Amino acid sequence: MTVRRLLAETGSRELAEWMAYERLTGPLDGRRGDVQAAIIAATVANSQRSKGRALQPKDFIPKWDKPRAMSPQEMWAAAMQANAALGGTVATTTA
């Protein structure tokens, strides 16, 4: 399913429920595969080592580019874009 279709067919409540589920069970995307592969790689590497520090799964997890920090204006723009994609509205008040 494309992201556009997902956002069109899934409400914000359901997305929030999936986010909570992921927090409890672990990542649902490719990160889970990276962790599983890292556990296996560490096990194999440690079974073949003679001396030295035992390798940990974290030693085998790829280090992908981290997103840069966003300014408050960029965060607001991203929030507004997500809100619009989910069909939300913005209610403002004036004094």
PDB file of N, CA and C in Angstrom:
ATOM      1  N   MET A   1       0.850  -1.169   0.000  1.00  0.00           N
ATOM      2  CA  MET A   1       0.000   0.000   0.000  1.00  0.00           C
ATOM      3  C   MET A   1       0.895   1.232   0.000  1.00  0.00           C
ATOM      4  N   THR A   2       0.565   2.189  -0.831  1.00  0.00           N
ATOM      5  CA  THR A   2       1.356   3.416  -0.865  1.00  0.00           C
ATOM      6  C   THR A   2       1.050   4.262   0.367  1.00  0.00           C
ATOM      7  N   VAL A   3       1.946   5.172   0.674  1.00  0.00           N
ATOM      8  CA  VAL A   3       1.734   6.069   1.805  1.00  0.00           C
ATOM      9  C   VAL A   3       0.479   6.909   1.577  1.00  0.00           C
ATOM     10  N   ARG A   4       0.285   7.379   0.356  1.00  0.00           N
ATOM     11  CA  ARG A   4      -0.896   8.192   0.049  1.00  0.00           C
ATOM     12  C   ARG A   4      -2.178   7.413   0.327  1.00  0.00           C
ATOM     13  N   ARG A   5      -2.202   6.165  -0.118  1.00  0.00           N
ATOM     14  CA  ARG A   5      -3.406   5.345   0.115  1.00  0.00           C
ATOM     15  C   ARG A   5      -3.573   5.058   1.604  1.00  0.00           C
ATOM     16  N   LEU A   6      -2.470   4.764   2.283  1.00  0.00           N
ATOM     17  CA  LEU A   6      -2.530   4.523   3.724  1.00  0.00           C
ATOM     18  C   LEU A   6      -3.151   5.707   4.440  1.00  0.00           C
ATOM     19  N   LEU A   7      -2.677   6.909   4.133  1.00  0.00           N
ATOM     20  CA  LEU A   7      -3.184   8.097   4.803  1.00  0.00           C
ATOM     21  C   LEU A   7      -4.640   8.374   4.441  1.00  0.00           C
ATOM     22  N   ALA A   8      -5.036   8.006   3.230  1.00  0.00           N
ATOM     23  CA  ALA A   8      -6.417   8.217   2.814  1.00  0.00           C
ATOM     24  C   ALA A   8      -7.368   7.236   3.492  1.00  0.00           C
ATOM     25  N   GLU A   9      -6.895   6.033   3.796  1.00  0.00           N
ATOM     26  CA  GLU A   9      -7.775   4.986   4.311  1.00  0.00           C
ATOM     27  C   GLU A   9      -7.653   4.752   5.811  1.00  0.00           C
ATOM     28  N   THR A  10      -6.653   5.334   6.444  1.00  0.00           N
ATOM     29  CA  THR A  10      -6.408   5.082   7.853  1.00  0.00           C
ATOM     30  C   THR A  10      -6.561   6.374   8.648  1.00  0.00           C
ATOM     31  N   GLY A  11      -7.370   6.319   9.684  1.00  0.00           N
ATOM     32  CA  GLY A  11      -7.584   7.494  10.515  1.00  0.00           C
ATOM     33  C   GLY A  11      -6.444   7.712  11.497  1.00  0.00           C
ATOM     34  N   SER A  12      -6.391   8.890  12.082  1.00  0.00           N
ATOM     35  CA  SER A  12      -5.316   9.206  13.017  1.00  0.00           C
ATOM     36  C   SER A  12      -5.382   8.322  14.262  1.00  0.00           C
ATOM     37  N   ARG A  13      -6.594   7.931  14.673  1.00  0.00           N
ATOM     38  CA  ARG A  13      -6.711   7.050  15.841  1.00  0.00           C
ATOM     39  C   ARG A  13      -6.058   5.695  15.559  1.00  0.00           C
ATOM     40  N   GLU A  14      -6.327   5.118  14.378  1.00  0.00           N
ATOM     41  CA  GLU A  14      -5.734   3.824  14.050  1.00  0.00           C
ATOM     42  C   GLU A  14      -4.217   3.933  13.930  1.00  0.00           C
ATOM     43  N   LEU A  15      -3.743   5.019  13.333  1.00  0.00           N
ATOM     44  CA  LEU A  15      -2.286   5.205  13.239  1.00  0.00           C
ATOM     45  C   LEU A  15      -1.668   5.289  14.629  1.00  0.00           C
ATOM     46  N   ALA A  16      -2.346   5.990  15.546  1.00  0.00           N
ATOM     47  CA  ALA A  16      -1.849   6.096  16.920  1.00  0.00           C
ATOM     48  C   ALA A  16      -1.834   4.725  17.594  1.00  0.00           C
ATOM     49  N   GLU A  17      -2.853   3.907  17.315  1.00  0.00           N
ATOM     50  CA  GLU A  17      -2.884   2.557  17.876  1.00  0.00           C
ATOM     51  C   GLU A  17      -1.730   1.711  17.352  1.00  0.00           C
ATOM     52  N   TRP A  18      -1.424   1.831  16.055  1.00  0.00           N
ATOM     53  CA  TRP A  18      -0.291   1.092  15.490  1.00  0.00           C
ATOM     54  C   TRP A  18       1.026   1.574  16.090  1.00  0.00           C
ATOM     55  N   MET A  19       1.133   2.878  16.330  1.00  0.00           N
ATOM     56  CA  MET A  19       2.358   3.405  16.948  1.00  0.00           C
ATOM     57  C   MET A  19       2.533   2.823  18.353  1.00  0.00           C
ATOM     58  N   ALA A  20       1.439   2.756  19.113  1.00  0.00           N
ATOM     59  CA  ALA A  20       1.499   2.187  20.460  1.00  0.00           C
ATOM     60  C   ALA A  20       1.861   0.703  20.393  1.00  0.00           C
ATOM     61  N   TYR A  21       1.280  -0.015  19.446  1.00  0.00           N
ATOM     62  CA  TYR A  21       1.586  -1.436  19.270  1.00  0.00           C
ATOM     63  C   TYR A  21       3.071  -1.634  18.972  1.00  0.00           C
ATOM     64  N   GLU A  22       3.604  -0.786  18.101  1.00  0.00           N
ATOM     65  CA  GLU A  22       5.018  -0.893  17.751  1.00  0.00           C
ATOM     66  C   GLU A  22       5.902  -0.627  18.967  1.00  0.00           C
ATOM     67  N   ARG A  23       5.503   0.304  19.824  1.00  0.00           N
ATOM     68  CA  ARG A  23       6.290   0.572  21.038  1.00  0.00           C
ATOM     69  C   ARG A  23       6.340  -0.648  21.947  1.00  0.00           C
ATOM     70  N   LEU A  24       5.251  -1.424  21.968  1.00  0.00           N
ATOM     71  CA  LEU A  24       5.188  -2.602  22.824  1.00  0.00           C
ATOM     72  C   LEU A  24       5.898  -3.808  22.219  1.00  0.00           C
ATOM     73  N   THR A  25       5.794  -3.991  20.911  1.00  0.00           N
ATOM     74  CA  THR A  25       6.286  -5.214  20.278  1.00  0.00           C
ATOM     75  C   THR A  25       7.599  -5.051  19.542  1.00  0.00           C
ATOM     76  N   GLY A  26       8.030  -3.823  19.320  1.00  0.00           N
ATOM     77  CA  GLY A  26       9.249  -3.591  18.553  1.00  0.00           C
ATOM     78  C   GLY A  26       8.921  -3.095  17.162  1.00  0.00           C
ATOM     79  N   PRO A  27       9.925  -2.726  16.408  1.00  0.00           N
ATOM     80  CA  PRO A  27       9.695  -2.115  15.101  1.00  0.00           C
ATOM     81  C   PRO A  27       9.008  -3.069  14.121  1.00  0.00           C
ATOM     82  N   LEU A  28       8.152  -2.498  13.296  1.00  0.00           N
ATOM     83  CA  LEU A  28       7.423  -3.270  12.302  1.00  0.00           C
ATOM     84  C   LEU A  28       8.054  -3.167  10.920  1.00  0.00           C
ATOM     85  N   ASP A  29       9.051  -2.335  10.777  1.00  0.00           N
ATOM     86  CA  ASP A  29       9.660  -2.116   9.462  1.00  0.00           C
ATOM     87  C   ASP A  29      10.994  -2.836   9.362  1.00  0.00           C
ATOM     88  N   GLY A  30      11.848  -2.389   8.469  1.00  0.00           N
ATOM     89  CA  GLY A  30      13.126  -3.032   8.217  1.00  0.00           C
ATOM     90  C   GLY A  30      14.067  -3.071   9.399  1.00  0.00           C
ATOM     91  N   ARG A  31      13.856  -2.208  10.385  1.00  0.00           N
ATOM     92  CA  ARG A  31      14.747  -2.210  11.554  1.00  0.00           C
ATOM     93  C   ARG A  31      14.702  -3.550  12.280  1.00  0.00           C
ATOM     94  N   ARG A  32      13.528  -4.168  12.299  1.00  0.00           N
ATOM     95  CA  ARG A  32      13.417  -5.457  12.974  1.00  0.00           C
ATOM     96  C   ARG A  32      14.316  -6.490  12.298  1.00  0.00           C
ATOM     97  N   GLY A  33      14.336  -6.497  10.982  1.00  0.00           N
ATOM     98  CA  GLY A  33      15.209  -7.410  10.249  1.00  0.00           C
ATOM     99  C   GLY A  33      16.674  -7.143  10.530  1.00  0.00           C
ATOM    100  N   ASP A  34      17.036  -5.861  10.650  1.00  0.00           N
ATOM    101  CA  ASP A  34      18.418  -5.508  10.975  1.00  0.00           C
ATOM    102  C   ASP A  34      18.813  -6.079  12.334  1.00  0.00           C
ATOM    103  N   VAL A  35      17.917  -5.982  13.301  1.00  0.00           N
ATOM    104  CA  VAL A  35      18.208  -6.485  14.646  1.00  0.00           C
ATOM    105  C   VAL A  35      18.323  -8.005  14.628  1.00  0.00           C
ATOM    106  N   GLN A  36      17.406  -8.669  13.936  1.00  0.00           N
ATOM    107  CA  GLN A  36      17.457 -10.125  13.860  1.00  0.00           C
ATOM    108  C   GLN A  36      18.748 -10.597  13.192  1.00  0.00           C
ATOM    109  N   ALA A  37      19.111  -9.957  12.088  1.00  0.00           N
ATOM    110  CA  ALA A  37      20.349 -10.329  11.393  1.00  0.00           C
ATOM    111  C   ALA A  37      21.571 -10.053  12.268  1.00  0.00           C
ATOM    112  N   ALA A  38      21.528  -8.965  13.037  1.00  0.00           N
ATOM    113  CA  ALA A  38      22.651  -8.626  13.909  1.00  0.00           C
ATOM    114  C   ALA A  38      22.830  -9.655  15.014  1.00  0.00           C
ATOM    115  N   ILE A  39      21.722 -10.169  15.539  1.00  0.00           N
ATOM    116  CA  ILE A  39      21.804 -11.202  16.578  1.00  0.00           C
ATOM    117  C   ILE A  39      22.471 -12.457  16.014  1.00  0.00           C
ATOM    118  N   ILE A  40      22.069 -12.836  14.825  1.00  0.00           N
ATOM    119  CA  ILE A  40      22.660 -14.028  14.198  1.00  0.00           C
ATOM    120  C   ILE A  40      24.132 -13.788  13.886  1.00  0.00           C
ATOM    121  N   ALA A  41      24.445 -12.613  13.327  1.00  0.00           N
ATOM    122  CA  ALA A  41      25.839 -12.309  12.995  1.00  0.00           C
ATOM    123  C   ALA A  41      26.722 -12.324  14.234  1.00  0.00           C
ATOM    124  N   ALA A  42      26.239 -11.756  15.349  1.00  0.00           N
ATOM    125  CA  ALA A  42      27.023 -11.744  16.581  1.00  0.00           C
ATOM    126  C   ALA A  42      27.225 -13.163  17.105  1.00  0.00           C
ATOM    127  N   THR A  43      26.200 -13.985  17.014  1.00  0.00           N
ATOM    128  CA  THR A  43      26.304 -15.370  17.476  1.00  0.00           C
ATOM    129  C   THR A  43      27.345 -16.135  16.666  1.00  0.00           C
ATOM    130  N   VAL A  44      27.287 -16.002  15.343  1.00  0.00           N
ATOM    131  CA  VAL A  44      28.244 -16.699  14.479  1.00  0.00           C
ATOM    132  C   VAL A  44      29.659 -16.180  14.729  1.00  0.00           C
ATOM    133  N   ALA A  45      29.823 -14.861  14.778  1.00  0.00           N
ATOM    134  CA  ALA A  45      31.154 -14.283  14.991  1.00  0.00           C
ATOM    135  C   ALA A  45      31.734 -14.713  16.332  1.00  0.00           C
ATOM    136  N   ASN A  46      30.903 -14.723  17.367  1.00  0.00           N
ATOM    137  CA  ASN A  46      31.401 -15.109  18.687  1.00  0.00           C
ATOM    138  C   ASN A  46      31.732 -16.600  18.765  1.00  0.00           C
ATOM    139  N   SER A  47      31.046 -17.412  17.981  1.00  0.00           N
ATOM    140  CA  SER A  47      31.356 -18.850  17.994  1.00  0.00           C
ATOM    141  C   SER A  47      32.699 -19.137  17.330  1.00  0.00           C
ATOM    142  N   GLN A  48      33.197 -18.202  16.522  1.00  0.00           N
ATOM    143  CA  GLN A  48      34.453 -18.393  15.794  1.00  0.00           C
ATOM    144  C   GLN A  48      35.622 -17.613  16.388  1.00  0.00           C
ATOM    145  N   ARG A  49      35.377 -16.803  17.405  1.00  0.00           N
ATOM    146  CA  ARG A  49      36.461 -15.993  17.950  1.00  0.00           C
ATOM    147  C   ARG A  49      37.260 -16.792  18.962  1.00  0.00           C
ATOM    148  N   SER A  50      38.540 -16.429  19.108  1.00  0.00           N
ATOM    149  CA  SER A  50      39.382 -17.136  20.068  1.00  0.00           C
ATOM    150  C   SER A  50      39.548 -16.328  21.350  1.00  0.00           C
ATOM    151  N   LYS A  51      39.830 -15.064  21.219  1.00  0.00           N
ATOM    152  CA  LYS A  51      40.030 -14.208  22.393  1.00  0.00           C
ATOM    153  C   LYS A  51      39.488 -12.827  22.081  1.00  0.00           C
ATOM    154  N   GLY A  52      39.471 -12.028  23.101  1.00  0.00           N
ATOM    155  CA  GLY A  52      39.044 -10.652  22.911  1.00  0.00           C
ATOM    156  C   GLY A  52      37.594 -10.437  23.313  1.00  0.00           C
ATOM    157  N   ARG A  53      37.184  -9.250  23.083  1.00  0.00           N
ATOM    158  CA  ARG A  53      35.846  -8.826  23.481  1.00  0.00           C
ATOM    159  C   ARG A  53      34.792  -9.567  22.673  1.00  0.00           C
ATOM    160  N   ALA A  54      33.771 -10.038  23.371  1.00  0.00           N
ATOM    161  CA  ALA A  54      32.648 -10.671  22.671  1.00  0.00           C
ATOM    162  C   ALA A  54      31.894  -9.584  21.904  1.00  0.00           C
ATOM    163  N   LEU A  55      31.540  -9.901  20.685  1.00  0.00           N
ATOM    164  CA  LEU A  55      30.809  -8.944  19.863  1.00  0.00           C
ATOM    165  C   LEU A  55      29.336  -8.946  20.263  1.00  0.00           C
ATOM    166  N   GLN A  56      28.738  -7.786  20.170  1.00  0.00           N
ATOM    167  CA  GLN A  56      27.326  -7.607  20.509  1.00  0.00           C
ATOM    168  C   GLN A  56      26.525  -7.379  19.226  1.00  0.00           C
ATOM    169  N   PRO A  57      25.231  -7.661  19.242  1.00  0.00           N
ATOM    170  CA  PRO A  57      24.412  -7.380  18.057  1.00  0.00           C
ATOM    171  C   PRO A  57      24.550  -5.937  17.570  1.00  0.00           C
ATOM    172  N   LYS A  58      24.698  -4.994  18.502  1.00  0.00           N
ATOM    173  CA  LYS A  58      24.813  -3.583  18.092  1.00  0.00           C
ATOM    174  C   LYS A  58      26.038  -3.342  17.209  1.00  0.00           C
ATOM    175  N   ASP A  59      27.046  -4.226  17.310  1.00  0.00           N
ATOM    176  CA  ASP A  59      28.233  -4.095  16.465  1.00  0.00           C
ATOM    177  C   ASP A  59      27.929  -4.394  15.001  1.00  0.00           C
ATOM    178  N   PHE A  60      26.791  -5.021  14.732  1.00  0.00           N
ATOM    179  CA  PHE A  60      26.445  -5.426  13.379  1.00  0.00           C
ATOM    180  C   PHE A  60      25.247  -4.672  12.798  1.00  0.00           C
ATOM    181  N   ILE A  61      24.681  -3.764  13.563  1.00  0.00           N
ATOM    182  CA  ILE A  61      23.523  -3.018  13.072  1.00  0.00           C
ATOM    183  C   ILE A  61      24.017  -1.836  12.233  1.00  0.00           C
ATOM    184  N   PRO A  62      23.518  -1.704  11.011  1.00  0.00           N
ATOM    185  CA  PRO A  62      23.954  -0.590  10.161  1.00  0.00           C
ATOM    186  C   PRO A  62      23.630   0.756  10.809  1.00  0.00           C
ATOM    187  N   LYS A  63      24.483   1.696  10.583  1.00  0.00           N
ATOM    188  CA  LYS A  63      24.259   3.045  11.094  1.00  0.00           C
ATOM    189  C   LYS A  63      23.818   3.923   9.927  1.00  0.00           C
ATOM    190  N   TRP A  64      22.512   4.047   9.793  1.00  0.00           N
ATOM    191  CA  TRP A  64      21.952   4.835   8.708  1.00  0.00           C
ATOM    192  C   TRP A  64      22.065   6.308   9.046  1.00  0.00           C
ATOM    193  N   ASP A  65      21.953   7.128   8.036  1.00  0.00           N
ATOM    194  CA  ASP A  65      22.007   8.568   8.258  1.00  0.00           C
ATOM    195  C   ASP A  65      20.892   8.985   9.206  1.00  0.00           C
ATOM    196  N   LYS A  66      21.256   9.785  10.187  1.00  0.00           N
ATOM    197  CA  LYS A  66      20.258  10.303  11.116  1.00  0.00           C
ATOM    198  C   LYS A  66      19.697  11.599  10.548  1.00  0.00           C
ATOM    199  N   PRO A  67      18.393  11.807  10.687  1.00  0.00           N
ATOM    200  CA  PRO A  67      17.835  13.056  10.190  1.00  0.00           C
ATOM    201  C   PRO A  67      18.374  14.237  10.995  1.00  0.00           C
ATOM    202  N   ARG A  68      18.548  15.331  10.315  1.00  0.00           N
ATOM    203  CA  ARG A  68      19.055  16.509  11.010  1.00  0.00           C
ATOM    204  C   ARG A  68      17.952  17.088  11.887  1.00  0.00           C
ATOM    205  N   ALA A  69      18.349  17.828  12.883  1.00  0.00           N
ATOM    206  CA  ALA A  69      17.376  18.475  13.768  1.00  0.00           C
ATOM    207  C   ALA A  69      16.603  19.530  12.991  1.00  0.00           C
ATOM    208  N   MET A  70      15.305  19.601  13.238  1.00  0.00           N
ATOM    209  CA  MET A  70      14.474  20.579  12.543  1.00  0.00           C
ATOM    210  C   MET A  70      14.268  21.810  13.416  1.00  0.00           C
ATOM    211  N   SER A  71      14.125  22.928  12.755  1.00  0.00           N
ATOM    212  CA  SER A  71      13.813  24.164  13.464  1.00  0.00           C
ATOM    213  C   SER A  71      12.343  24.113  13.877  1.00  0.00           C
ATOM    214  N   PRO A  72      11.936  24.957  14.813  1.00  0.00           N
ATOM    215  CA  PRO A  72      10.516  24.991  15.181  1.00  0.00           C
ATOM    216  C   PRO A  72       9.607  25.259  13.976  1.00  0.00           C
ATOM    217  N   GLN A  73      10.047  26.102  13.067  1.00  0.00           N
ATOM    218  CA  GLN A  73       9.238  26.388  11.878  1.00  0.00           C
ATOM    219  C   GLN A  73       9.094  25.144  10.997  1.00  0.00           C
ATOM    220  N   GLU A  74      10.192  24.382  10.842  1.00  0.00           N
ATOM    221  CA  GLU A  74      10.133  23.163  10.045  1.00  0.00           C
ATOM    222  C   GLU A  74       9.250  22.105  10.711  1.00  0.00           C
ATOM    223  N   MET A  75       9.317  22.012  12.061  1.00  0.00           N
ATOM    224  CA  MET A  75       8.456  21.077  12.775  1.00  0.00           C
ATOM    225  C   MET A  75       6.992  21.439  12.574  1.00  0.00           C
ATOM    226  N   TRP A  76       6.685  22.738  12.658  1.00  0.00           N
ATOM    227  CA  TRP A  76       5.310  23.193  12.461  1.00  0.00           C
ATOM    228  C   TRP A  76       4.835  22.851  11.046  1.00  0.00           C
ATOM    229  N   ALA A  77       5.689  23.100  10.063  1.00  0.00           N
ATOM    230  CA  ALA A  77       5.323  22.800   8.679  1.00  0.00           C
ATOM    231  C   ALA A  77       5.092  21.297   8.495  1.00  0.00           C
ATOM    232  N   ALA A  78       5.928  20.460   9.103  1.00  0.00           N
ATOM    233  CA  ALA A  78       5.757  19.010   9.005  1.00  0.00           C
ATOM    234  C   ALA A  78       4.465  18.571   9.686  1.00  0.00           C
ATOM    235  N   ALA A  79       4.164  19.155  10.839  1.00  0.00           N
ATOM    236  CA  ALA A  79       2.923  18.824  11.539  1.00  0.00           C
ATOM    237  C   ALA A  79       1.711  19.245  10.719  1.00  0.00           C
ATOM    238  N   MET A  80       1.775  20.402  10.101  1.00  0.00           N
ATOM    239  CA  MET A  80       0.658  20.866   9.276  1.00  0.00           C
ATOM    240  C   MET A  80       0.489  19.975   8.046  1.00  0.00           C
ATOM    241  N   GLN A  81       1.582  19.528   7.469  1.00  0.00           N
ATOM    242  CA  GLN A  81       1.522  18.641   6.306  1.00  0.00           C
ATOM    243  C   GLN A  81       0.890  17.304   6.697  1.00  0.00           C
ATOM    244  N   ALA A  82       1.296  16.745   7.836  1.00  0.00           N
ATOM    245  CA  ALA A  82       0.704  15.491   8.303  1.00  0.00           C
ATOM    246  C   ALA A  82      -0.774  15.676   8.614  1.00  0.00           C
ATOM    247  N   ASN A  83      -1.114  16.783   9.241  1.00  0.00           N
ATOM    248  CA  ASN A  83      -2.497  17.087   9.559  1.00  0.00           C
ATOM    249  C   ASN A  83      -3.342  17.148   8.287  1.00  0.00           C
ATOM    250  N   ALA A  84      -2.842  17.838   7.272  1.00  0.00           N
ATOM    251  CA  ALA A  84      -3.574  17.950   6.012  1.00  0.00           C
ATOM    252  C   ALA A  84      -3.704  16.587   5.333  1.00  0.00           C
ATOM    253  N   ALA A  85      -2.651  15.784   5.380  1.00  0.00           N
ATOM    254  CA  ALA A  85      -2.681  14.465   4.751  1.00  0.00           C
ATOM    255  C   ALA A  85      -3.714  13.559   5.409  1.00  0.00           C
ATOM    256  N   LEU A  86      -3.947  13.760   6.722  1.00  0.00           N
ATOM    257  CA  LEU A  86      -4.927  12.972   7.442  1.00  0.00           C
ATOM    258  C   LEU A  86      -6.321  13.589   7.393  1.00  0.00           C
ATOM    259  N   GLY A  87      -6.464  14.671   6.631  1.00  0.00           N
ATOM    260  CA  GLY A  87      -7.774  15.317   6.495  1.00  0.00           C
ATOM    261  C   GLY A  87      -8.136  16.194   7.671  1.00  0.00           C
ATOM    262  N   GLY A  88      -7.169  16.593   8.441  1.00  0.00           N
ATOM    263  CA  GLY A  88      -7.437  17.432   9.614  1.00  0.00           C
ATOM    264  C   GLY A  88      -7.664  18.886   9.244  1.00  0.00           C
ATOM    265  N   THR A  89      -8.133  19.621  10.200  1.00  0.00           N
ATOM    266  CA  THR A  89      -8.333  21.060  10.026  1.00  0.00           C
ATOM    267  C   THR A  89      -7.578  21.781  11.124  1.00  0.00           C
ATOM    268  N   VAL A  90      -7.421  23.072  10.936  1.00  0.00           N
ATOM    269  CA  VAL A  90      -6.743  23.898  11.932  1.00  0.00           C
ATOM    270  C   VAL A  90      -7.734  24.901  12.456  1.00  0.00           C
ATOM    271  N   ALA A  91      -7.951  24.868  13.756  1.00  0.00           N
ATOM    272  CA  ALA A  91      -8.854  25.824  14.387  1.00  0.00           C
ATOM    273  C   ALA A  91      -8.013  26.850  15.122  1.00  0.00           C
ATOM    274  N   THR A  92      -8.175  28.093  14.764  1.00  0.00           N
ATOM    275  CA  THR A  92      -7.434  29.161  15.429  1.00  0.00           C
ATOM    276  C   THR A  92      -8.412  30.139  16.044  1.00  0.00           C
ATOM    277  N   THR A  93      -7.962  30.798  17.059  1.00  0.00           N
ATOM    278  CA  THR A  93      -8.792  31.824  17.696  1.00  0.00           C
ATOM    279  C   THR A  93      -8.041  33.137  17.665  1.00  0.00           C
ATOM    280  N   THR A  94      -8.760  34.198  17.581  1.00  0.00           N
ATOM    281  CA  THR A  94      -8.146  35.525  17.632  1.00  0.00           C
ATOM    282  C   THR A  94      -8.761  36.276  18.785  1.00  0.00           C
ATOM    283  N   ALA A  95      -7.978  37.093  19.405  1.00  0.00           N
ATOM    284  CA  ALA A  95      -8.447  37.840  20.575  1.00  0.00           C
ATOM    285  C   ALA A  95      -9.151  39.096  20.161  1.00  0.00           C
TER     286      ALA A  95
END
